[in-house]
N, C-alpha and C. Protein backbone atom coordinates (compact mmCIF):
# COMPACT_ATOMS: atom_id res chain seq x y z
N UNK A 1 -17.21 25.71 9.88
CA UNK A 1 -16.65 24.78 9.50
C UNK A 1 -17.69 23.80 9.07
N UNK A 2 -17.58 23.13 8.15
CA UNK A 2 -17.99 21.66 7.62
C UNK A 2 -17.92 20.60 8.58
N UNK A 3 -19.13 20.09 9.12
CA UNK A 3 -18.44 18.75 9.81
C UNK A 3 -18.68 17.71 9.13
N UNK A 4 -17.65 16.63 9.27
CA UNK A 4 -18.23 15.15 8.16
C UNK A 4 -18.30 14.16 9.12
N UNK A 5 -19.31 13.15 8.87
CA UNK A 5 -19.28 12.04 9.71
C UNK A 5 -17.57 11.41 9.49
N UNK A 6 -18.14 10.62 10.97
CA UNK A 6 -16.40 9.70 11.35
C UNK A 6 -16.59 8.93 10.09
N UNK A 7 -15.21 8.48 9.54
CA UNK A 7 -14.79 7.56 8.60
C UNK A 7 -14.75 6.39 9.48
N UNK A 8 -15.20 4.90 8.91
CA UNK A 8 -15.11 3.65 9.27
C UNK A 8 -13.61 3.27 9.33
N UNK A 9 -13.19 3.56 8.14
CA UNK A 9 -11.65 3.46 7.86
C UNK A 9 -10.60 4.21 8.67
N UNK A 10 -9.87 2.88 8.77
CA UNK A 10 -8.41 4.00 9.54
C UNK A 10 -7.39 3.37 8.25
N UNK A 11 -6.63 5.05 7.91
CA UNK A 11 -5.44 4.84 6.82
C UNK A 11 -4.42 4.00 7.15
N UNK A 12 -3.80 3.26 6.89
CA UNK A 12 -2.50 2.31 7.43
C UNK A 12 -2.36 1.72 6.39
N UNK A 13 -0.75 1.48 6.75
CA UNK A 13 0.34 0.79 5.95
C UNK A 13 0.62 -0.53 6.34
N UNK A 14 0.48 -1.62 6.03
CA UNK A 14 0.78 -2.91 6.59
C UNK A 14 1.95 -3.27 5.90
N UNK A 15 3.09 -3.63 6.70
CA UNK A 15 4.11 -4.78 6.50
C UNK A 15 4.12 -5.96 6.00
N UNK A 16 3.77 -6.43 4.70
CA UNK A 16 3.56 -6.84 3.71
C UNK A 16 4.57 -8.65 3.64
N UNK A 17 5.73 -7.98 3.68
CA UNK A 17 6.97 -8.51 3.39
C UNK A 17 7.14 -9.65 3.98
N UNK A 18 7.11 -11.09 3.53
CA UNK A 18 7.24 -12.90 3.70
C UNK A 18 5.95 -12.90 4.66
N UNK A 19 4.74 -12.33 4.99
CA UNK A 19 3.42 -12.08 5.61
C UNK A 19 2.70 -13.41 4.64
N UNK A 20 1.87 -14.32 5.35
CA UNK A 20 1.09 -14.88 4.30
C UNK A 20 -0.23 -14.82 4.00
N UNK A 21 -0.65 -14.76 2.94
CA UNK A 21 -1.76 -14.35 2.48
C UNK A 21 -2.67 -15.36 1.53
N UNK A 22 -3.79 -15.49 2.07
CA UNK A 22 -4.81 -16.35 0.87
C UNK A 22 -5.92 -15.51 0.40
N UNK A 23 -5.78 -15.97 -0.86
CA UNK A 23 -6.24 -15.44 -1.81
C UNK A 23 -7.24 -16.74 -2.97
N UNK A 24 -8.64 -16.36 -2.23
CA UNK A 24 -9.39 -17.25 -2.44
C UNK A 24 -10.56 -17.12 -4.16
N UNK A 25 -10.08 -17.61 -4.96
CA UNK A 25 -10.78 -17.34 -6.10
C UNK A 25 -9.49 -17.40 -7.12
N UNK A 26 -9.99 -17.81 -8.37
CA UNK A 26 -8.37 -18.15 -9.83
C UNK A 26 -8.85 -17.27 -10.93
N UNK A 27 -9.89 -16.00 -11.02
CA UNK A 27 -9.89 -15.43 -12.15
C UNK A 27 -9.09 -14.34 -12.06
N UNK A 28 -9.63 -13.41 -12.64
CA UNK A 28 -9.22 -11.99 -13.33
C UNK A 28 -9.09 -10.90 -11.80
N UNK A 29 -10.21 -10.88 -11.21
CA UNK A 29 -9.97 -10.40 -9.75
C UNK A 29 -9.15 -10.70 -9.11
N UNK A 30 -9.22 -12.46 -9.09
CA UNK A 30 -8.24 -12.62 -7.95
C UNK A 30 -6.86 -12.20 -8.56
N UNK A 31 -6.46 -12.25 -9.79
CA UNK A 31 -5.24 -12.39 -10.26
C UNK A 31 -4.65 -10.43 -10.02
N UNK A 32 -5.44 -9.74 -9.94
CA UNK A 32 -5.52 -8.31 -9.82
C UNK A 32 -4.87 -8.18 -8.36
N UNK A 33 -5.68 -8.83 -7.72
CA UNK A 33 -5.40 -9.44 -6.10
C UNK A 33 -3.84 -9.50 -5.66
N UNK A 34 -3.72 -10.67 -6.44
CA UNK A 34 -2.60 -11.10 -6.37
C UNK A 34 -1.58 -10.36 -6.60
N UNK A 35 -1.20 -10.15 -7.34
CA UNK A 35 -0.56 -8.49 -8.02
C UNK A 35 0.13 -7.91 -7.81
N UNK A 36 -0.91 -7.36 -6.82
CA UNK A 36 -0.47 -6.20 -5.89
C UNK A 36 0.31 -6.93 -4.65
N UNK A 37 -0.44 -7.90 -4.03
CA UNK A 37 0.26 -8.68 -2.87
C UNK A 37 1.87 -9.43 -3.38
N UNK A 38 1.83 -9.25 -4.49
CA UNK A 38 3.25 -10.23 -5.03
C UNK A 38 4.50 -8.63 -4.32
N UNK A 39 3.73 -7.39 -5.04
CA UNK A 39 4.43 -6.10 -5.16
C UNK A 39 4.74 -5.84 -3.90
N UNK A 40 4.24 -6.15 -2.36
CA UNK A 40 4.77 -6.08 -1.31
C UNK A 40 5.36 -7.30 -0.77
N UNK A 41 5.89 -8.23 -1.48
CA UNK A 41 6.42 -9.69 -0.81
C UNK A 41 5.70 -10.25 -0.22
N UNK A 42 4.48 -10.70 -0.18
CA UNK A 42 3.74 -11.22 0.54
C UNK A 42 4.02 -12.98 0.04
N UNK A 43 3.88 -14.06 0.87
CA UNK A 43 4.09 -15.09 0.63
C UNK A 43 2.49 -15.69 0.72
N UNK A 44 2.18 -15.89 -0.76
CA UNK A 44 1.31 -15.60 -1.58
C UNK A 44 0.14 -17.37 -1.42
N UNK A 45 -0.81 -17.63 -1.22
CA UNK A 45 -1.37 -18.76 -1.60
C UNK A 45 -2.82 -18.59 -2.59
N UNK A 46 -3.30 -19.61 -3.44
CA UNK A 46 -4.24 -19.30 -4.28
C UNK A 46 -4.74 -20.52 -3.43
N UNK A 47 -6.41 -20.70 -3.55
CA UNK A 47 -7.62 -21.75 -3.53
C UNK A 47 -8.45 -21.26 -4.46
N UNK A 48 -8.86 -22.52 -5.50
CA UNK A 48 -9.89 -22.20 -6.23
C UNK A 48 -9.95 -23.59 -7.40
N UNK A 49 -10.90 -23.77 -7.76
CA UNK A 49 -11.38 -24.97 -8.69
C UNK A 49 -10.06 -24.76 -9.72
N UNK A 50 -11.21 -23.47 -10.28
CA UNK A 50 -10.76 -23.06 -11.24
C UNK A 50 -9.44 -21.82 -11.38
N UNK A 51 -8.16 -21.77 -11.95
CA UNK A 51 -7.17 -21.19 -11.81
C UNK A 51 -7.16 -20.41 -13.28
N UNK A 52 -7.03 -18.91 -13.50
CA UNK A 52 -7.07 -18.59 -14.99
C UNK A 52 -5.34 -18.92 -15.38
N UNK A 53 -4.92 -18.53 -16.46
CA UNK A 53 -3.49 -19.36 -16.86
C UNK A 53 -2.46 -18.34 -16.26
N UNK A 54 -2.96 -16.88 -15.85
CA UNK A 54 -1.69 -15.88 -15.67
C UNK A 54 -0.94 -16.77 -13.82
N UNK A 55 -2.70 -17.13 -13.60
CA UNK A 55 -2.42 -17.23 -12.19
C UNK A 55 -1.39 -18.98 -11.83
N UNK A 56 -1.93 -19.68 -13.02
CA UNK A 56 -0.72 -20.96 -13.34
C UNK A 56 0.51 -21.04 -13.39
N UNK A 57 0.51 -19.45 -14.57
CA UNK A 57 1.91 -19.42 -14.47
C UNK A 57 2.94 -18.75 -13.29
N UNK A 58 2.50 -17.86 -12.64
CA UNK A 58 2.78 -17.61 -11.43
C UNK A 58 3.36 -18.41 -10.41
N UNK A 59 2.44 -19.61 -10.88
CA UNK A 59 2.51 -20.93 -9.31
C UNK A 59 4.00 -21.76 -10.48
N UNK A 60 3.68 -21.89 -11.38
CA UNK A 60 4.86 -22.46 -11.90
C UNK A 60 6.08 -21.98 -12.04
N UNK A 61 6.20 -20.38 -12.22
CA UNK A 61 7.63 -19.88 -11.61
C UNK A 61 7.64 -19.82 -10.19
N UNK A 62 7.06 -20.40 -9.40
CA UNK A 62 7.10 -20.13 -8.28
C UNK A 62 7.14 -19.12 -7.13
N UNK A 63 6.37 -18.07 -8.42
CA UNK A 63 5.97 -16.91 -7.09
C UNK A 63 5.18 -17.13 -6.76
N UNK A 64 3.75 -17.59 -6.62
CA UNK A 64 2.75 -17.91 -5.58
C UNK A 64 2.63 -19.39 -5.13
N UNK A 65 1.98 -20.05 -4.68
CA UNK A 65 1.48 -21.59 -4.46
C UNK A 65 -0.14 -21.13 -5.06
N UNK A 66 -0.51 -22.12 -6.02
CA UNK A 66 -1.60 -22.61 -6.22
C UNK A 66 -2.26 -24.17 -5.88
N UNK A 67 -3.60 -24.00 -5.29
CA UNK A 67 -4.34 -25.47 -4.87
C UNK A 67 -5.41 -25.19 -5.56
N UNK A 68 -5.95 -25.92 -6.47
CA UNK A 68 -7.20 -26.42 -7.54
C UNK A 68 -7.92 -27.08 -6.78
N UNK A 69 -8.49 -26.33 -6.14
CA UNK A 69 -9.65 -27.07 -5.45
C UNK A 69 -10.51 -26.46 -4.82
N UNK A 70 -11.96 -26.65 -4.08
CA UNK A 70 -13.04 -25.85 -2.89
C UNK A 70 -11.45 -25.09 -2.06
N UNK A 71 -12.26 -24.23 -1.54
CA UNK A 71 -11.60 -23.78 -0.29
C UNK A 71 -12.18 -24.28 1.07
N UNK A 72 -11.24 -25.06 1.90
CA UNK A 72 -12.16 -25.73 3.15
C UNK A 72 -11.13 -24.94 4.87
N UNK A 73 -11.99 -24.36 5.10
CA UNK A 73 -12.00 -23.60 6.47
C UNK A 73 -10.38 -23.81 7.07
N UNK A 74 -9.64 -24.77 6.99
CA UNK A 74 -8.28 -25.12 7.34
C UNK A 74 -7.12 -24.61 6.23
N UNK A 75 -7.56 -23.83 5.02
CA UNK A 75 -6.64 -23.38 4.67
C UNK A 75 -6.48 -22.02 5.28
N UNK A 76 -7.12 -21.29 6.25
CA UNK A 76 -6.94 -20.13 7.03
C UNK A 76 -6.01 -20.14 8.28
N UNK A 77 -5.30 -21.50 8.37
CA UNK A 77 -4.22 -21.85 9.22
C UNK A 77 -2.88 -20.73 9.02
N UNK A 78 -2.28 -20.34 10.00
CA UNK A 78 -1.21 -19.44 10.05
C UNK A 78 -1.44 -18.46 8.77
N UNK A 79 -2.48 -17.85 8.79
CA UNK A 79 -3.02 -16.93 7.57
C UNK A 79 -2.77 -15.56 8.40
N UNK A 80 -1.81 -14.24 7.58
CA UNK A 80 -2.62 -12.89 8.24
C UNK A 80 -3.21 -12.42 7.58
N UNK A 81 -3.64 -12.66 6.39
CA UNK A 81 -4.08 -11.60 5.57
C UNK A 81 -5.17 -12.30 4.30
N UNK A 82 -6.53 -12.10 4.27
CA UNK A 82 -7.19 -13.10 3.05
C UNK A 82 -8.18 -12.23 2.47
N UNK A 83 -8.13 -12.66 1.07
CA UNK A 83 -8.93 -11.81 -0.12
C UNK A 83 -10.12 -13.22 -0.63
N UNK A 84 -11.08 -12.99 -0.40
CA UNK A 84 -12.20 -13.78 -0.84
C UNK A 84 -12.67 -13.03 -2.07
N UNK A 85 -12.17 -13.39 -3.38
CA UNK A 85 -11.98 -13.09 -4.38
C UNK A 85 -12.82 -13.80 -5.76
N UNK A 86 -14.08 -14.88 -5.72
CA UNK A 86 -14.88 -15.51 -5.97
C UNK A 86 -15.76 -14.91 -6.99
N UNK A 87 -16.60 -15.59 -7.71
CA UNK A 87 -18.15 -14.73 -8.09
C UNK A 87 -18.99 -15.84 -7.72
N UNK A 88 -18.98 -16.34 -6.53
CA UNK A 88 -19.88 -16.97 -5.45
C UNK A 88 -20.10 -16.27 -4.10
N UNK A 89 -20.95 -15.38 -3.89
CA UNK A 89 -21.06 -14.51 -3.08
C UNK A 89 -21.21 -15.56 -1.73
N UNK A 90 -21.99 -16.44 -2.08
CA UNK A 90 -22.02 -17.55 -0.55
C UNK A 90 -20.62 -18.20 -0.38
N UNK A 91 -19.61 -18.44 -1.00
CA UNK A 91 -18.38 -18.56 -0.66
C UNK A 91 -17.76 -17.26 0.11
N UNK A 92 -17.58 -16.57 -0.67
CA UNK A 92 -17.02 -15.28 -0.15
C UNK A 92 -17.41 -14.99 1.36
N UNK A 93 -18.59 -15.04 1.91
CA UNK A 93 -19.24 -14.60 2.82
C UNK A 93 -18.81 -15.66 3.51
N UNK A 94 -18.64 -17.02 3.33
CA UNK A 94 -18.00 -17.96 4.32
C UNK A 94 -16.90 -17.51 4.70
N UNK A 95 -15.74 -17.61 3.33
CA UNK A 95 -14.79 -17.05 4.24
C UNK A 95 -14.41 -15.76 5.22
N UNK A 96 -15.33 -14.78 4.90
CA UNK A 96 -15.18 -13.66 5.62
C UNK A 96 -15.66 -14.26 7.01
N UNK A 97 -16.84 -14.69 7.27
CA UNK A 97 -17.31 -15.28 8.31
C UNK A 97 -15.94 -15.81 9.15
N UNK A 98 -15.28 -16.87 8.37
CA UNK A 98 -14.33 -17.89 9.16
C UNK A 98 -13.42 -17.27 9.71
N UNK A 99 -13.22 -16.53 8.54
CA UNK A 99 -11.14 -15.46 9.06
C UNK A 99 -12.27 -14.35 10.34
N UNK A 100 -12.96 -14.03 10.32
CA UNK A 100 -13.20 -13.30 11.52
C UNK A 100 -13.23 -13.63 12.77
N UNK A 101 -13.75 -15.37 12.72
CA UNK A 101 -14.12 -15.59 14.06
C UNK A 101 -12.47 -15.78 14.26
N UNK A 102 -11.28 -16.16 13.71
CA UNK A 102 -10.12 -16.52 13.84
C UNK A 102 -8.96 -14.98 13.80
N UNK A 103 -10.05 -14.16 13.56
CA UNK A 103 -8.99 -12.73 13.75
C UNK A 103 -8.31 -12.36 12.56
N UNK A 104 -8.49 -12.96 11.54
CA UNK A 104 -7.75 -12.64 10.41
C UNK A 104 -8.19 -11.93 9.53
N UNK A 105 -7.21 -10.82 8.86
CA UNK A 105 -7.56 -9.38 8.29
C UNK A 105 -8.55 -10.25 6.70
N UNK A 106 -9.40 -9.78 6.49
CA UNK A 106 -10.37 -9.92 5.27
C UNK A 106 -11.02 -8.77 4.36
N UNK A 107 -10.91 -9.12 2.99
CA UNK A 107 -11.28 -8.17 2.09
C UNK A 107 -11.84 -9.16 1.10
N UNK A 108 -13.41 -8.86 1.05
CA UNK A 108 -14.57 -9.53 0.04
C UNK A 108 -14.12 -8.52 -1.07
N UNK A 109 -14.30 -8.82 -2.26
CA UNK A 109 -14.06 -8.10 -3.25
C UNK A 109 -15.43 -7.52 -3.82
N UNK A 110 -15.64 -6.21 -3.77
CA UNK A 110 -16.87 -5.55 -4.02
C UNK A 110 -18.00 -5.68 -2.95
N UNK A 111 -17.64 -5.94 -1.83
CA UNK A 111 -18.44 -6.23 -0.69
C UNK A 111 -17.44 -5.44 0.65
N UNK A 112 -17.53 -4.21 0.54
CA UNK A 112 -16.92 -3.14 2.04
C UNK A 112 -17.62 -3.68 3.03
N UNK A 113 -18.92 -3.54 2.97
CA UNK A 113 -20.07 -3.64 4.21
C UNK A 113 -19.38 -5.14 5.10
N UNK A 114 -18.73 -6.37 4.58
CA UNK A 114 -18.69 -7.45 5.21
C UNK A 114 -16.91 -7.48 5.47
N UNK A 115 -16.27 -6.36 4.80
CA UNK A 115 -14.66 -6.64 4.51
C UNK A 115 -14.19 -5.96 5.98
N UNK A 116 -12.67 -6.32 6.39
CA UNK A 116 -12.27 -5.66 7.59
C UNK A 116 -11.12 -4.30 7.04
N UNK A 117 -11.06 -4.44 5.86
CA UNK A 117 -10.56 -3.22 4.89
C UNK A 117 -10.40 -3.06 3.31
N UNK A 118 -10.52 -2.12 3.07
CA UNK A 118 -10.54 -1.88 1.41
C UNK A 118 -8.93 -1.57 1.07
N UNK A 119 -8.61 -1.77 -0.23
CA UNK A 119 -7.54 -1.28 -0.45
C UNK A 119 -7.49 -0.07 -1.50
N UNK A 120 -6.97 1.02 -1.35
CA UNK A 120 -7.06 2.12 -2.09
C UNK A 120 -6.72 2.19 -3.17
N UNK A 121 -6.78 3.11 -4.38
CA UNK A 121 -5.86 3.27 -5.47
C UNK A 121 -4.74 4.10 -5.14
N UNK A 122 -3.85 3.52 -5.68
CA UNK A 122 -2.21 4.08 -5.14
C UNK A 122 -1.26 4.36 -6.23
N UNK A 123 -0.34 5.00 -6.46
CA UNK A 123 1.17 4.88 -6.95
C UNK A 123 2.27 5.02 -6.09
N UNK A 124 3.65 4.65 -6.58
CA UNK A 124 4.79 4.87 -5.88
C UNK A 124 5.47 5.84 -6.73
N UNK A 125 6.30 6.83 -5.67
CA UNK A 125 7.63 7.36 -6.44
C UNK A 125 8.37 6.75 -5.24
N UNK A 126 9.38 5.78 -5.16
CA UNK A 126 10.18 5.36 -4.58
C UNK A 126 9.21 4.39 -3.21
N UNK A 127 9.97 5.58 -2.49
CA UNK A 127 9.54 4.87 -1.08
C UNK A 127 8.35 6.12 -0.55
N UNK A 128 8.03 6.72 -1.96
CA UNK A 128 6.64 7.75 -1.26
C UNK A 128 5.59 7.00 -1.59
N UNK A 129 4.35 7.13 -1.34
CA UNK A 129 2.95 6.09 -1.44
C UNK A 129 2.23 6.98 -1.04
N UNK A 130 1.41 7.24 -2.17
CA UNK A 130 0.44 8.17 -2.60
C UNK A 130 -1.18 7.11 -2.60
N UNK A 131 -1.95 7.21 -1.94
CA UNK A 131 -3.07 6.56 -1.89
C UNK A 131 -4.18 6.87 -1.76
N UNK A 132 -5.15 6.85 -2.55
CA UNK A 132 -6.33 7.49 -2.43
C UNK A 132 -7.90 6.88 -2.66
N UNK A 133 -8.75 7.01 -1.59
CA UNK A 133 -9.80 5.95 -1.59
C UNK A 133 -11.36 6.98 -1.19
N UNK A 134 -12.37 6.48 -1.53
CA UNK A 134 -13.50 6.94 -1.63
C UNK A 134 -14.39 5.88 -0.49
N UNK A 135 -13.52 5.18 0.47
CA UNK A 135 -14.13 4.36 1.21
C UNK A 135 -15.35 3.22 0.75
N UNK A 136 -15.05 3.11 -0.38
CA UNK A 136 -15.68 1.81 -1.29
C UNK A 136 -16.69 2.76 -2.06
N UNK A 137 -17.10 3.72 -1.71
CA UNK A 137 -18.05 4.78 -2.60
C UNK A 137 -18.19 4.43 -4.13
N UNK A 138 -17.11 5.11 -4.85
CA UNK A 138 -16.82 5.00 -6.19
C UNK A 138 -15.40 4.97 -6.62
N UNK A 139 -14.81 3.42 -6.57
CA UNK A 139 -13.51 2.90 -6.92
C UNK A 139 -12.73 4.06 -8.23
N UNK A 140 -14.03 3.98 -9.25
CA UNK A 140 -13.55 4.40 -10.42
C UNK A 140 -13.01 6.26 -10.25
N UNK A 141 -14.17 6.81 -9.15
CA UNK A 141 -13.21 8.03 -8.83
C UNK A 141 -12.10 8.38 -8.67
N UNK A 142 -12.19 7.04 -6.99
CA UNK A 142 -10.60 7.20 -6.70
C UNK A 142 -9.17 7.30 -7.55
N UNK A 143 -9.60 5.93 -8.65
CA UNK A 143 -8.68 5.94 -9.91
C UNK A 143 -8.55 7.45 -10.84
N UNK A 144 -9.14 7.88 -10.72
CA UNK A 144 -9.42 8.96 -11.29
C UNK A 144 -8.41 10.20 -10.78
N UNK A 145 -8.55 10.50 -9.57
CA UNK A 145 -7.97 11.23 -8.93
C UNK A 145 -6.54 10.86 -8.46
N UNK A 146 -6.59 9.71 -8.50
CA UNK A 146 -5.00 9.12 -8.10
C UNK A 146 -4.22 9.01 -9.65
N UNK A 147 -4.84 9.16 -10.89
CA UNK A 147 -4.24 9.14 -11.78
C UNK A 147 -3.73 10.85 -11.96
N UNK A 148 -4.69 11.81 -11.79
CA UNK A 148 -4.34 13.16 -11.74
C UNK A 148 -3.40 13.53 -10.96
N UNK A 149 -3.20 12.95 -9.83
CA UNK A 149 -2.14 13.17 -8.84
C UNK A 149 -1.05 12.66 -9.50
N UNK A 150 -0.75 11.31 -9.97
CA UNK A 150 0.27 10.51 -10.56
C UNK A 150 0.75 11.43 -11.35
N UNK A 151 0.20 12.05 -12.16
CA UNK A 151 0.72 12.83 -13.71
C UNK A 151 1.47 14.16 -13.32
N UNK A 152 0.78 14.86 -11.92
CA UNK A 152 1.77 15.61 -11.44
C UNK A 152 2.69 15.58 -10.37
N UNK A 153 3.00 14.67 -9.55
CA UNK A 153 4.18 14.42 -8.79
C UNK A 153 5.20 13.64 -9.18
N UNK A 154 6.11 14.28 -9.57
CA UNK A 154 7.25 14.52 -10.26
C UNK A 154 8.50 13.58 -9.17
N UNK A 155 9.49 12.86 -10.81
CA UNK A 155 9.85 11.17 -10.08
C UNK A 155 11.39 12.27 -9.15
N UNK A 156 11.44 13.16 -8.96
CA UNK A 156 12.34 14.04 -8.31
C UNK A 156 12.15 14.00 -6.78
N UNK A 157 10.54 13.56 -6.19
CA UNK A 157 10.29 13.84 -4.98
C UNK A 157 11.03 12.32 -4.27
N UNK A 158 10.93 11.35 -5.30
CA UNK A 158 11.45 10.22 -4.99
C UNK A 158 13.10 10.30 -4.13
N UNK A 159 13.61 10.80 -5.23
CA UNK A 159 15.17 11.65 -4.63
C UNK A 159 15.25 12.15 -3.12
N UNK A 160 14.12 13.65 -3.37
CA UNK A 160 14.01 14.12 -2.01
C UNK A 160 13.70 13.27 -0.77
N UNK A 161 12.84 12.13 -1.19
CA UNK A 161 12.48 11.02 0.00
C UNK A 161 14.12 11.26 0.79
N UNK A 162 14.53 10.31 -0.07
CA UNK A 162 16.04 9.42 0.31
C UNK A 162 16.90 11.03 0.88
N UNK A 163 17.02 12.37 0.08
CA UNK A 163 17.69 13.03 0.74
C UNK A 163 17.30 13.24 2.40
N UNK A 164 15.91 13.59 2.54
CA UNK A 164 15.33 14.07 3.63
C UNK A 164 15.58 12.97 4.64
N UNK A 165 15.66 11.30 4.34
CA UNK A 165 15.74 10.74 5.22
C UNK A 165 17.25 10.49 5.64
N UNK A 166 18.34 10.51 4.98
CA UNK A 166 19.79 10.98 5.21
C UNK A 166 19.78 11.92 6.39
N UNK A 167 19.35 13.28 5.65
CA UNK A 167 19.26 14.52 7.14
C UNK A 167 18.35 14.30 8.14
N UNK A 168 17.68 13.52 8.11
CA UNK A 168 17.09 13.13 9.38
C UNK A 168 18.08 12.41 10.32
N UNK A 169 18.41 10.99 9.49
CA UNK A 169 19.61 10.35 10.48
C UNK A 169 20.63 11.10 10.72
N UNK A 170 21.13 11.87 10.16
CA UNK A 170 22.41 12.92 10.54
C UNK A 170 21.84 13.53 11.65
N UNK A 171 20.47 14.31 11.87
CA UNK A 171 20.17 15.27 12.77
C UNK A 171 20.39 14.11 14.32
N UNK A 172 19.74 13.34 13.90
CA UNK A 172 19.17 12.15 14.98
C UNK A 172 20.57 11.76 16.08
N UNK A 173 21.48 11.58 14.82
CA UNK A 173 23.15 11.01 15.57
C UNK A 173 23.61 12.40 16.14
N UNK A 174 23.45 13.74 15.92
CA UNK A 174 23.91 14.61 16.48
C UNK A 174 23.30 15.07 17.70
N UNK A 175 22.30 14.33 18.03
CA UNK A 175 21.35 14.97 18.87
C UNK A 175 20.55 15.88 18.59
N UNK A 176 20.28 16.06 17.53
CA UNK A 176 19.39 17.38 17.08
C UNK A 176 18.31 17.12 17.08
N UNK A 177 17.35 17.33 17.82
CA UNK A 177 15.43 17.74 17.68
C UNK A 177 15.19 19.15 16.58
N UNK A 178 14.62 18.28 15.81
CA UNK A 178 13.86 19.38 15.06
C UNK A 178 12.22 19.19 14.78
N UNK A 179 11.08 20.16 15.12
CA UNK A 179 10.12 20.51 15.52
C UNK A 179 9.66 20.50 13.92
N UNK A 180 8.36 19.60 13.96
CA UNK A 180 7.43 19.26 12.79
C UNK A 180 7.19 20.44 12.07
N UNK A 181 7.48 21.43 12.69
CA UNK A 181 6.81 23.07 12.13
C UNK A 181 8.03 23.36 11.24
N UNK A 182 9.36 23.33 12.09
CA UNK A 182 10.27 23.67 11.46
C UNK A 182 10.91 22.57 10.17
N UNK A 183 10.75 21.71 10.16
CA UNK A 183 10.61 20.36 8.51
C UNK A 183 9.95 21.21 7.97
N UNK A 184 9.01 21.45 8.25
CA UNK A 184 7.68 21.87 7.44
C UNK A 184 8.15 23.30 6.15
N UNK A 185 8.95 23.92 7.24
CA UNK A 185 9.55 25.59 6.64
C UNK A 185 10.99 25.01 5.63
N UNK A 186 11.84 24.01 6.15
CA UNK A 186 12.94 23.73 5.53
C UNK A 186 12.66 22.72 4.19
N UNK A 187 11.36 22.29 4.30
CA UNK A 187 11.08 21.46 2.99
C UNK A 187 10.32 22.48 1.99
N UNK A 188 11.36 23.64 1.23
CA UNK A 188 11.19 23.69 0.39
C UNK A 188 10.90 23.02 -0.93
N UNK A 189 10.19 22.68 -1.55
CA UNK A 189 10.05 21.91 -2.40
C UNK A 189 10.12 22.40 -3.54
N UNK A 190 9.46 23.61 -4.34
CA UNK A 190 9.92 24.07 -5.26
C UNK A 190 11.55 24.11 -5.42
N UNK A 191 12.29 24.77 -4.82
CA UNK A 191 13.61 24.75 -5.05
C UNK A 191 14.39 23.53 -5.14
N UNK A 192 13.94 22.87 -4.06
CA UNK A 192 14.76 21.62 -3.79
C UNK A 192 14.78 20.66 -4.93
N UNK A 193 13.24 20.34 -5.40
CA UNK A 193 12.89 19.62 -6.84
C UNK A 193 13.74 19.67 -7.96
N UNK A 194 13.90 21.50 -7.75
CA UNK A 194 14.84 21.94 -9.13
C UNK A 194 16.12 21.69 -9.12
N UNK A 195 16.50 21.89 -7.51
CA UNK A 195 18.29 21.39 -7.85
C UNK A 195 18.31 20.00 -7.91
N UNK A 196 17.25 19.02 -7.36
CA UNK A 196 17.58 17.91 -7.65
C UNK A 196 17.39 17.58 -9.55
N UNK A 197 16.38 18.44 -10.17
CA UNK A 197 16.23 18.05 -11.53
C UNK A 197 17.39 18.32 -12.23
N UNK A 198 18.62 18.96 -11.97
CA UNK A 198 20.10 19.68 -12.23
C UNK A 198 20.86 18.76 -11.97
N UNK A 199 20.57 17.66 -11.10
CA UNK A 199 21.28 16.67 -10.41
C UNK A 199 22.24 17.60 -9.58
N UNK A 200 21.83 18.22 -9.11
CA UNK A 200 22.49 19.22 -7.45
C UNK A 200 21.87 18.52 -6.24
N UNK A 201 21.87 17.28 -6.15
CA UNK A 201 21.40 16.27 -4.72
C UNK A 201 22.02 16.95 -3.59
N UNK A 202 23.33 16.91 -3.79
CA UNK A 202 24.43 17.50 -2.58
C UNK A 202 24.27 18.57 -2.10
N UNK A 203 23.71 19.72 -3.06
CA UNK A 203 23.19 21.03 -2.52
C UNK A 203 22.10 21.14 -2.13
N UNK A 204 21.17 20.35 -2.73
CA UNK A 204 19.79 20.28 -1.99
C UNK A 204 19.84 19.75 -0.66
N UNK A 205 20.46 18.51 -0.28
CA UNK A 205 20.83 18.01 0.86
C UNK A 205 21.54 18.90 2.15
N UNK A 206 22.63 20.20 1.37
CA UNK A 206 23.20 20.51 2.09
C UNK A 206 22.54 22.06 2.57
N UNK A 207 21.43 22.23 2.10
CA UNK A 207 20.84 23.71 1.73
C UNK A 207 19.53 23.00 3.32
N UNK A 208 19.54 22.26 3.02
CA UNK A 208 18.03 21.40 3.96
C UNK A 208 18.74 21.13 5.16
N UNK A 209 19.95 20.59 5.72
CA UNK A 209 20.48 20.96 6.23
C UNK A 209 20.89 21.65 7.22
N UNK A 210 21.28 22.98 6.42
CA UNK A 210 21.58 24.32 7.21
C UNK A 210 20.46 24.45 7.63
N UNK A 211 19.25 24.99 7.19
CA UNK A 211 17.98 25.51 7.53
C UNK A 211 17.75 24.54 8.89
N UNK A 212 17.80 23.26 9.00
CA UNK A 212 17.15 22.42 9.88
C UNK A 212 18.27 22.68 10.93
N UNK A 213 19.09 22.95 10.97
CA UNK A 213 19.73 23.24 12.33
C UNK A 213 20.29 24.51 12.66
N UNK A 214 19.89 25.51 12.05
CA UNK A 214 19.34 26.93 11.96
C UNK A 214 17.92 27.44 12.85
N UNK A 215 17.38 26.32 12.61
CA UNK A 215 16.05 26.20 13.00
C UNK A 215 15.71 26.09 14.73
N UNK A 216 17.35 25.24 15.14
CA UNK A 216 17.03 24.81 16.48
C UNK A 216 18.13 25.66 17.22
N UNK A 217 18.20 26.87 16.62
CA UNK A 217 19.22 27.70 17.34
C UNK A 217 18.94 28.74 18.29
């Protein structure tokens, strides 16, 4: 079996709802970062002497707060996560260094070597999140792979995730513990997805529940 070098990146999903995030930069790159943070409920502050029209509109609408001036170290006060997205490498490096001193997670666009994290290419199907990363080596390839997976993952998987969650809760309330192996056996994806596609969600739920209960007898 081929052995791979350890990756410096630990895959993780962060709960961002209500967390204060600082984005330093006001151009199109910053806009993309801000839009992603908005999707995850972050409390966003933008600092930049020049702010693009789209970000100005988001600020006007009360979605984010925009401060039209140069970055200052005190902008990091009470910040959970920071993105340095200016076109000035000196400013980006300054933000990164000061964030690291304070233990604040920092992402510097196109500079994974001085970032604490990188953002993968991802898509959602309800509560299912599929993320693809090349560890910063080729974002274009990550997007291409994500696009391929996105076209293959059916919308019914979102409903299946809800059903599986309901079944899991019912088993837990009944004091029934099912092994990970038996869960895998019960999740007959082809047949369950076909039932959901035909609108037979209850039948899919009953079949899954019956298989799991039978597996612990």
